[in-house]
PDB file of N, CA and C in Angstrom:
ATOM      1  N   UNK A   1       0.814  -1.191   0.000  1.00  0.00           N
ATOM      2  CA  UNK A   1       0.000   0.000   0.000  1.00  0.00           C
ATOM      3  C   UNK A   1       0.867   1.269   0.000  1.00  0.00           C
ATOM      4  N   UNK A   2       1.897   1.242   0.839  1.00  0.00           N
ATOM      5  CA  UNK A   2       2.786   2.396   0.916  1.00  0.00           C
ATOM      6  C   UNK A   2       3.480   2.637  -0.430  1.00  0.00           C
ATOM      7  N   UNK A   3       3.849   1.566  -1.081  1.00  0.00           N
ATOM      8  CA  UNK A   3       4.515   1.662  -2.379  1.00  0.00           C
ATOM      9  C   UNK A   3       3.588   2.308  -3.421  1.00  0.00           C
ATOM     10  N   UNK A   4       2.322   1.985  -3.384  1.00  0.00           N
ATOM     11  CA  UNK A   4       1.343   2.547  -4.310  1.00  0.00           C
ATOM     12  C   UNK A   4       1.164   4.047  -4.076  1.00  0.00           C
ATOM     13  N   UNK A   5       1.095   4.467  -2.819  1.00  0.00           N
ATOM     14  CA  UNK A   5       0.988   5.890  -2.498  1.00  0.00           C
ATOM     15  C   UNK A   5       2.234   6.651  -2.938  1.00  0.00           C
ATOM     16  N   UNK A   6       3.392   6.044  -2.736  1.00  0.00           N
ATOM     17  CA  UNK A   6       4.650   6.670  -3.143  1.00  0.00           C
ATOM     18  C   UNK A   6       4.706   6.832  -4.663  1.00  0.00           C
ATOM     19  N   UNK A   7       4.268   5.846  -5.411  1.00  0.00           N
ATOM     20  CA  UNK A   7       4.240   5.933  -6.872  1.00  0.00           C
ATOM     21  C   UNK A   7       3.249   7.002  -7.338  1.00  0.00           C
ATOM     22  N   UNK A   8       2.116   7.085  -6.687  1.00  0.00           N
ATOM     23  CA  UNK A   8       1.126   8.100  -7.053  1.00  0.00           C
ATOM     24  C   UNK A   8       1.672   9.497  -6.784  1.00  0.00           C
ATOM     25  N   UNK A   9       2.315   9.673  -5.654  1.00  0.00           N
ATOM     26  CA  UNK A   9       2.919  10.965  -5.326  1.00  0.00           C
ATOM     27  C   UNK A   9       4.014  11.328  -6.323  1.00  0.00           C
ATOM     28  N   UNK A  10       4.826  10.367  -6.680  1.00  0.00           N
ATOM     29  CA  UNK A  10       5.891  10.597  -7.665  1.00  0.00           C
ATOM     30  C   UNK A  10       5.296  10.965  -9.026  1.00  0.00           C
ATOM     31  N   UNK A  11       4.212  10.316  -9.418  1.00  0.00           N
ATOM     32  CA  UNK A  11       3.562  10.611 -10.693  1.00  0.00           C
ATOM     33  C   UNK A  11       3.002  12.043 -10.689  1.00  0.00           C
ATOM     34  N   UNK A  12       2.428  12.468  -9.571  1.00  0.00           N
ATOM     35  CA  UNK A  12       1.892  13.828  -9.472  1.00  0.00           C
ATOM     36  C   UNK A  12       3.012  14.857  -9.577  1.00  0.00           C
ATOM     37  N   UNK A  13       4.130  14.610  -8.909  1.00  0.00           N
ATOM     38  CA  UNK A  13       5.258  15.539  -8.961  1.00  0.00           C
ATOM     39  C   UNK A  13       5.810  15.632 -10.378  1.00  0.00           C
ATOM     40  N   UNK A  14       5.992  14.507 -11.038  1.00  0.00           N
ATOM     41  CA  UNK A  14       6.511  14.498 -12.414  1.00  0.00           C
ATOM     42  C   UNK A  14       5.536  15.209 -13.347  1.00  0.00           C
ATOM     43  N   UNK A  15       4.237  14.966 -13.184  1.00  0.00           N
ATOM     44  CA  UNK A  15       3.225  15.616 -14.021  1.00  0.00           C
ATOM     45  C   UNK A  15       3.296  17.133 -13.875  1.00  0.00           C
ATOM     46  N   UNK A  16       3.400  17.608 -12.631  1.00  0.00           N
ATOM     47  CA  UNK A  16       3.462  19.058 -12.417  1.00  0.00           C
ATOM     48  C   UNK A  16       4.743  19.657 -12.963  1.00  0.00           C
ATOM     49  N   UNK A  17       5.845  18.962 -12.844  1.00  0.00           N
ATOM     50  CA  UNK A  17       7.100  19.471 -13.400  1.00  0.00           C
ATOM     51  C   UNK A  17       7.031  19.573 -14.917  1.00  0.00           C
ATOM     52  N   UNK A  18       6.481  18.554 -15.561  1.00  0.00           N
ATOM     53  CA  UNK A  18       6.363  18.566 -17.027  1.00  0.00           C
ATOM     54  C   UNK A  18       5.404  19.659 -17.465  1.00  0.00           C
ATOM     55  N   UNK A  19       4.280  19.777 -16.783  1.00  0.00           N
ATOM     56  CA  UNK A  19       3.299  20.804 -17.135  1.00  0.00           C
ATOM     57  C   UNK A  19       3.867  22.206 -16.921  1.00  0.00           C
ATOM     58  N   UNK A  20       4.625  22.412 -15.849  1.00  0.00           N
ATOM     59  CA  UNK A  20       5.244  23.707 -15.581  1.00  0.00           C
ATOM     60  C   UNK A  20       6.297  24.054 -16.616  1.00  0.00           C
ATOM     61  N   UNK A  21       7.067  23.060 -17.053  1.00  0.00           N
ATOM     62  CA  UNK A  21       8.102  23.304 -18.059  1.00  0.00           C
ATOM     63  C   UNK A  21       7.477  23.656 -19.400  1.00  0.00           C
ATOM     64  N   UNK A  22       6.360  23.043 -19.717  1.00  0.00           N
ATOM     65  CA  UNK A  22       5.680  23.354 -20.985  1.00  0.00           C
ATOM     66  C   UNK A  22       5.121  24.763 -20.992  1.00  0.00           C
ATOM     67  N   UNK A  23       4.533  25.200 -19.884  1.00  0.00           N
ATOM     68  CA  UNK A  23       3.925  26.522 -19.859  1.00  0.00           C
ATOM     69  C   UNK A  23       4.975  27.620 -19.790  1.00  0.00           C
ATOM     70  N   UNK A  24       6.198  27.299 -19.345  1.00  0.00           N
ATOM     71  CA  UNK A  24       7.258  28.306 -19.240  1.00  0.00           C
ATOM     72  C   UNK A  24       7.930  28.565 -20.584  1.00  0.00           C
ATOM     73  N   UNK A  25       7.770  27.657 -21.532  1.00  0.00           N
ATOM     74  CA  UNK A  25       8.401  27.835 -22.838  1.00  0.00           C
ATOM     75  C   UNK A  25       7.662  28.863 -23.668  1.00  0.00           C
ATOM     76  N   UNK A  26       8.390  29.758 -24.337  1.00  0.00           N
ATOM     77  CA  UNK A  26       7.713  30.695 -25.241  1.00  0.00           C
ATOM     78  C   UNK A  26       7.193  29.960 -26.470  1.00  0.00           C
ATOM     79  N   UNK A  27       5.986  30.257 -26.864  1.00  0.00           N
ATOM     80  CA  UNK A  27       5.363  29.567 -27.988  1.00  0.00           C
ATOM     81  C   UNK A  27       5.815  30.150 -29.313  1.00  0.00           C
ATOM     82  N   UNK A  28       5.802  31.473 -29.436  1.00  0.00           N
ATOM     83  CA  UNK A  28       6.104  32.106 -30.718  1.00  0.00           C
ATOM     84  C   UNK A  28       7.475  32.753 -30.763  1.00  0.00           C
ATOM     85  N   UNK A  29       8.428  32.266 -30.004  1.00  0.00           N
ATOM     86  CA  UNK A  29       9.759  32.873 -30.000  1.00  0.00           C
ATOM     87  C   UNK A  29       9.935  33.781 -28.800  1.00  0.00           C
ATOM     88  N   UNK A  30      10.957  34.608 -28.842  1.00  0.00           N
ATOM     89  CA  UNK A  30      11.231  35.484 -27.700  1.00  0.00           C
ATOM     90  C   UNK A  30      10.137  36.536 -27.531  1.00  0.00           C
ATOM     91  N   UNK A  31       9.906  36.971 -26.298  1.00  0.00           N
ATOM     92  CA  UNK A  31       8.860  37.979 -26.090  1.00  0.00           C
ATOM     93  C   UNK A  31       9.234  39.303 -26.738  1.00  0.00           C
ATOM     94  N   UNK A  32       8.258  39.963 -27.272  1.00  0.00           N
ATOM     95  CA  UNK A  32       8.491  41.252 -27.909  1.00  0.00           C
ATOM     96  C   UNK A  32       8.300  42.354 -26.885  1.00  0.00           C
ATOM     97  N   UNK A  33       9.233  43.274 -26.871  1.00  0.00           N
ATOM     98  CA  UNK A  33       9.141  44.401 -25.953  1.00  0.00           C
ATOM     99  C   UNK A  33       8.359  45.522 -26.627  1.00  0.00           C
ATOM    100  N   UNK A  34       7.395  46.037 -25.907  1.00  0.00           N
ATOM    101  CA  UNK A  34       6.574  47.118 -26.448  1.00  0.00           C
ATOM    102  C   UNK A  34       7.358  48.419 -26.336  1.00  0.00           C
ATOM    103  N   UNK A  35       7.498  49.090 -27.432  1.00  0.00           N
ATOM    104  CA  UNK A  35       8.211  50.363 -27.443  1.00  0.00           C
ATOM    105  C   UNK A  35       7.345  51.435 -26.800  1.00  0.00           C
ATOM    106  N   UNK A  36       7.947  52.180 -25.889  1.00  0.00           N
ATOM    107  CA  UNK A  36       7.226  53.269 -25.250  1.00  0.00           C
ATOM    108  C   UNK A  36       7.249  54.489 -26.149  1.00  0.00           C
ATOM    109  N   UNK A  37       6.183  55.266 -26.153  1.00  0.00           N
ATOM    110  CA  UNK A  37       6.180  56.469 -26.984  1.00  0.00           C
ATOM    111  C   UNK A  37       7.245  57.451 -26.488  1.00  0.00           C
ATOM    112  N   UNK A  38       7.862  58.116 -27.430  1.00  0.00           N
ATOM    113  CA  UNK A  38       8.907  59.080 -27.091  1.00  0.00           C
ATOM    114  C   UNK A  38       8.272  60.277 -26.386  1.00  0.00           C
ATOM    115  N   UNK A  39       8.920  60.724 -25.312  1.00  0.00           N
ATOM    116  CA  UNK A  39       8.396  61.844 -24.547  1.00  0.00           C
ATOM    117  C   UNK A  39       9.452  62.938 -24.453  1.00  0.00           C
ATOM    118  N   UNK A  40       9.023  64.158 -24.592  1.00  0.00           N
ATOM    119  CA  UNK A  40       9.922  65.296 -24.439  1.00  0.00           C
ATOM    120  C   UNK A  40      10.069  65.579 -22.955  1.00  0.00           C
ATOM    121  N   UNK A  41      11.309  65.743 -22.505  1.00  0.00           N
ATOM    122  CA  UNK A  41      11.582  66.022 -21.103  1.00  0.00           C
ATOM    123  C   UNK A  41      11.884  67.509 -20.941  1.00  0.00           C
ATOM    124  N   UNK A  42      11.394  68.083 -19.841  1.00  0.00           N
ATOM    125  CA  UNK A  42      11.649  69.489 -19.541  1.00  0.00           C
ATOM    126  C   UNK A  42      12.256  69.579 -18.147  1.00  0.00           C
ATOM    127  N   UNK A  43      13.033  70.634 -17.915  1.00  0.00           N
ATOM    128  CA  UNK A  43      13.717  70.815 -16.642  1.00  0.00           C
ATOM    129  C   UNK A  43      12.891  71.716 -15.719  1.00  0.00           C
ATOM    130  N   UNK A  44      12.811  71.318 -14.456  1.00  0.00           N
ATOM    131  CA  UNK A  44      12.124  72.126 -13.452  1.00  0.00           C
ATOM    132  C   UNK A  44      12.937  73.401 -13.236  1.00  0.00           C
ATOM    133  N   UNK A  45      12.289  74.557 -13.308  1.00  0.00           N
ATOM    134  CA  UNK A  45      12.975  75.833 -13.138  1.00  0.00           C
ATOM    135  C   UNK A  45      13.366  76.093 -11.683  1.00  0.00           C
ATOM    136  N   UNK A  46      12.902  75.260 -10.768  1.00  0.00           N
ATOM    137  CA  UNK A  46      13.271  75.449  -9.362  1.00  0.00           C
ATOM    138  C   UNK A  46      14.435  74.537  -8.953  1.00  0.00           C
ATOM    139  N   UNK A  47      14.315  73.226  -9.211  1.00  0.00           N
ATOM    140  CA  UNK A  47      15.334  72.284  -8.731  1.00  0.00           C
ATOM    141  C   UNK A  47      16.185  71.671  -9.833  1.00  0.00           C
ATOM    142  N   UNK A  48      15.768  71.781 -11.088  1.00  0.00           N
ATOM    143  CA  UNK A  48      16.558  71.260 -12.195  1.00  0.00           C
ATOM    144  C   UNK A  48      16.273  69.817 -12.567  1.00  0.00           C
ATOM    145  N   UNK A  49      15.332  69.185 -11.904  1.00  0.00           N
ATOM    146  CA  UNK A  49      14.985  67.797 -12.220  1.00  0.00           C
ATOM    147  C   UNK A  49      14.228  67.756 -13.545  1.00  0.00           C
ATOM    148  N   UNK A  50      14.513  66.741 -14.366  1.00  0.00           N
ATOM    149  CA  UNK A  50      13.804  66.578 -15.627  1.00  0.00           C
ATOM    150  C   UNK A  50      12.545  65.757 -15.406  1.00  0.00           C
ATOM    151  N   UNK A  51      11.445  66.207 -15.986  1.00  0.00           N
ATOM    152  CA  UNK A  51      10.160  65.507 -15.917  1.00  0.00           C
ATOM    153  C   UNK A  51       9.563  65.468 -17.319  1.00  0.00           C
ATOM    154  N   UNK A  52       8.704  64.470 -17.600  1.00  0.00           N
ATOM    155  CA  UNK A  52       8.025  64.470 -18.893  1.00  0.00           C
ATOM    156  C   UNK A  52       7.186  65.740 -19.051  1.00  0.00           C
ATOM    157  N   UNK A  53       7.176  66.279 -20.248  1.00  0.00           N
ATOM    158  CA  UNK A  53       6.483  67.547 -20.495  1.00  0.00           C
ATOM    159  C   UNK A  53       5.010  67.483 -20.103  1.00  0.00           C
ATOM    160  N   UNK A  54       4.370  66.345 -20.334  1.00  0.00           N
ATOM    161  CA  UNK A  54       2.937  66.245 -20.024  1.00  0.00           C
ATOM    162  C   UNK A  54       2.670  66.208 -18.524  1.00  0.00           C
ATOM    163  N   UNK A  55       3.699  65.901 -17.699  1.00  0.00           N
ATOM    164  CA  UNK A  55       3.520  65.876 -16.248  1.00  0.00           C
ATOM    165  C   UNK A  55       4.005  67.155 -15.578  1.00  0.00           C
ATOM    166  N   UNK A  56       4.617  68.043 -16.331  1.00  0.00           N
ATOM    167  CA  UNK A  56       5.164  69.270 -15.762  1.00  0.00           C
ATOM    168  C   UNK A  56       4.039  70.225 -15.364  1.00  0.00           C
ATOM    169  N   UNK A  57       4.297  70.969 -14.287  1.00  0.00           N
ATOM    170  CA  UNK A  57       3.369  71.998 -13.827  1.00  0.00           C
ATOM    171  C   UNK A  57       3.873  73.312 -14.406  1.00  0.00           C
ATOM    172  N   UNK A  58       3.033  74.016 -15.126  1.00  0.00           N
ATOM    173  CA  UNK A  58       3.482  75.233 -15.794  1.00  0.00           C
ATOM    174  C   UNK A  58       2.942  76.482 -15.118  1.00  0.00           C
ATOM    175  N   UNK A  59       3.706  77.553 -15.270  1.00  0.00           N
ATOM    176  CA  UNK A  59       3.300  78.875 -14.786  1.00  0.00           C
ATOM    177  C   UNK A  59       3.889  79.878 -15.762  1.00  0.00           C
ATOM    178  N   UNK A  60       3.089  80.249 -16.736  1.00  0.00           N
ATOM    179  CA  UNK A  60       3.600  81.118 -17.793  1.00  0.00           C
ATOM    180  C   UNK A  60       4.624  80.363 -18.633  1.00  0.00           C
ATOM    181  N   UNK A  61       5.828  80.900 -18.731  1.00  0.00           N
ATOM    182  CA  UNK A  61       6.892  80.240 -19.491  1.00  0.00           C
ATOM    183  C   UNK A  61       7.697  79.278 -18.636  1.00  0.00           C
ATOM    184  N   UNK A  62       7.469  79.247 -17.337  1.00  0.00           N
ATOM    185  CA  UNK A  62       8.232  78.398 -16.429  1.00  0.00           C
ATOM    186  C   UNK A  62       7.570  77.038 -16.279  1.00  0.00           C
ATOM    187  N   UNK A  63       8.406  76.011 -16.117  1.00  0.00           N
ATOM    188  CA  UNK A  63       7.917  74.645 -15.917  1.00  0.00           C
ATOM    189  C   UNK A  63       8.536  74.099 -14.646  1.00  0.00           C
ATOM    190  N   UNK A  64       7.710  73.366 -13.884  1.00  0.00           N
ATOM    191  CA  UNK A  64       8.143  72.839 -12.589  1.00  0.00           C
ATOM    192  C   UNK A  64       7.768  71.369 -12.470  1.00  0.00           C
ATOM    193  N   UNK A  65       8.441  70.689 -11.542  1.00  0.00           N
ATOM    194  CA  UNK A  65       8.170  69.260 -11.337  1.00  0.00           C
ATOM    195  C   UNK A  65       6.987  69.029 -10.402  1.00  0.00           C
ATOM    196  N   UNK A  66       6.596  70.041  -9.621  1.00  0.00           N
ATOM    197  CA  UNK A  66       5.497  69.866  -8.670  1.00  0.00           C
ATOM    198  C   UNK A  66       4.896  71.222  -8.312  1.00  0.00           C
ATOM    199  N   UNK A  67       3.662  71.204  -7.802  1.00  0.00           N
ATOM    200  CA  UNK A  67       3.045  72.465  -7.383  1.00  0.00           C
ATOM    201  C   UNK A  67       3.834  73.222  -6.301  1.00  0.00           C
ATOM    202  N   UNK A  68       4.451  72.550  -5.300  1.00  0.00           N
ATOM    203  CA  UNK A  68       5.240  73.321  -4.332  1.00  0.00           C
ATOM    204  C   UNK A  68       6.410  74.071  -4.970  1.00  0.00           C
ATOM    205  N   UNK A  69       7.031  73.483  -5.977  1.00  0.00           N
ATOM    206  CA  UNK A  69       8.123  74.178  -6.658  1.00  0.00           C
ATOM    207  C   UNK A  69       7.593  75.322  -7.511  1.00  0.00           C
ATOM    208  N   UNK A  70       6.400  75.154  -8.064  1.00  0.00           N
ATOM    209  CA  UNK A  70       5.783  76.261  -8.795  1.00  0.00           C
ATOM    210  C   UNK A  70       5.500  77.413  -7.846  1.00  0.00           C
ATOM    211  N   UNK A  71       5.001  77.105  -6.658  1.00  0.00           N
ATOM    212  CA  UNK A  71       4.703  78.147  -5.678  1.00  0.00           C
ATOM    213  C   UNK A  71       5.971  78.847  -5.183  1.00  0.00           C
ATOM    214  N   UNK A  72       7.076  78.081  -5.116  1.00  0.00           N
ATOM    215  CA  UNK A  72       8.350  78.669  -4.663  1.00  0.00           C
ATOM    216  C   UNK A  72       8.977  79.531  -5.736  1.00  0.00           C
ATOM    217  N   UNK A  73       8.662  79.260  -6.984  1.00  0.00           N
ATOM    218  CA  UNK A  73       9.191  80.057  -8.088  1.00  0.00           C
ATOM    219  C   UNK A  73      10.548  79.552  -8.560  1.00  0.00           C
ATOM    220  N   UNK A  74      11.101  80.230  -9.572  1.00  0.00           N
ATOM    221  CA  UNK A  74      12.386  79.803 -10.127  1.00  0.00           C
ATOM    222  C   UNK A  74      13.499  79.930  -9.085  1.00  0.00           C
ATOM    223  N   UNK A  75      14.464  79.065  -9.174  1.00  0.00           N
ATOM    224  CA  UNK A  75      15.611  79.108  -8.271  1.00  0.00           C
ATOM    225  C   UNK A  75      16.494  80.272  -8.644  1.00  0.00           C
ATOM    226  N   UNK A  76      16.965  81.010  -7.673  1.00  0.00           N
ATOM    227  CA  UNK A  76      17.823  82.178  -7.935  1.00  0.00           C
ATOM    228  C   UNK A  76      19.188  81.760  -8.428  1.00  0.00           C
ATOM    229  N   UNK A  77      19.638  80.580  -8.030  1.00  0.00           N
ATOM    230  CA  UNK A  77      20.962  80.095  -8.453  1.00  0.00           C
ATOM    231  C   UNK A  77      21.006  79.629  -9.886  1.00  0.00           C
ATOM    232  N   UNK A  78      19.832  79.465 -10.520  1.00  0.00           N
ATOM    233  CA  UNK A  78      19.804  78.976 -11.891  1.00  0.00           C
ATOM    234  C   UNK A  78      19.612  80.115 -12.874  1.00  0.00           C
ATOM    235  N   UNK A  79      19.725  81.324 -12.440  1.00  0.00           N
ATOM    236  CA  UNK A  79      19.625  82.438 -13.364  1.00  0.00           C
ATOM    237  C   UNK A  79      18.197  82.812 -13.687  1.00  0.00           C
ATOM    238  N   UNK A  80      17.216  82.367 -12.904  1.00  0.00           N
ATOM    239  CA  UNK A  80      15.816  82.615 -13.202  1.00  0.00           C
ATOM    240  C   UNK A  80      15.311  83.715 -12.398  1.00  0.00           C
TER     241      UNK A  80
END
């Protein structure tokens, strides 16, 4: 009886290993990486950090990385 249980357990382990190895294989070759759309980066006029243009906070001609930096205004050390 013990031998039968051991064989059944071994069969289950082998089945799961084979099934796992099959699902891990790529079917159509290597995975394709999706190209991200190109984004224009702008520099924060307060701290100098670059952020995507669509995420920048603007105030007239000035661009900032966050509302607190917009409220603080351009950094004096950056010639602004």
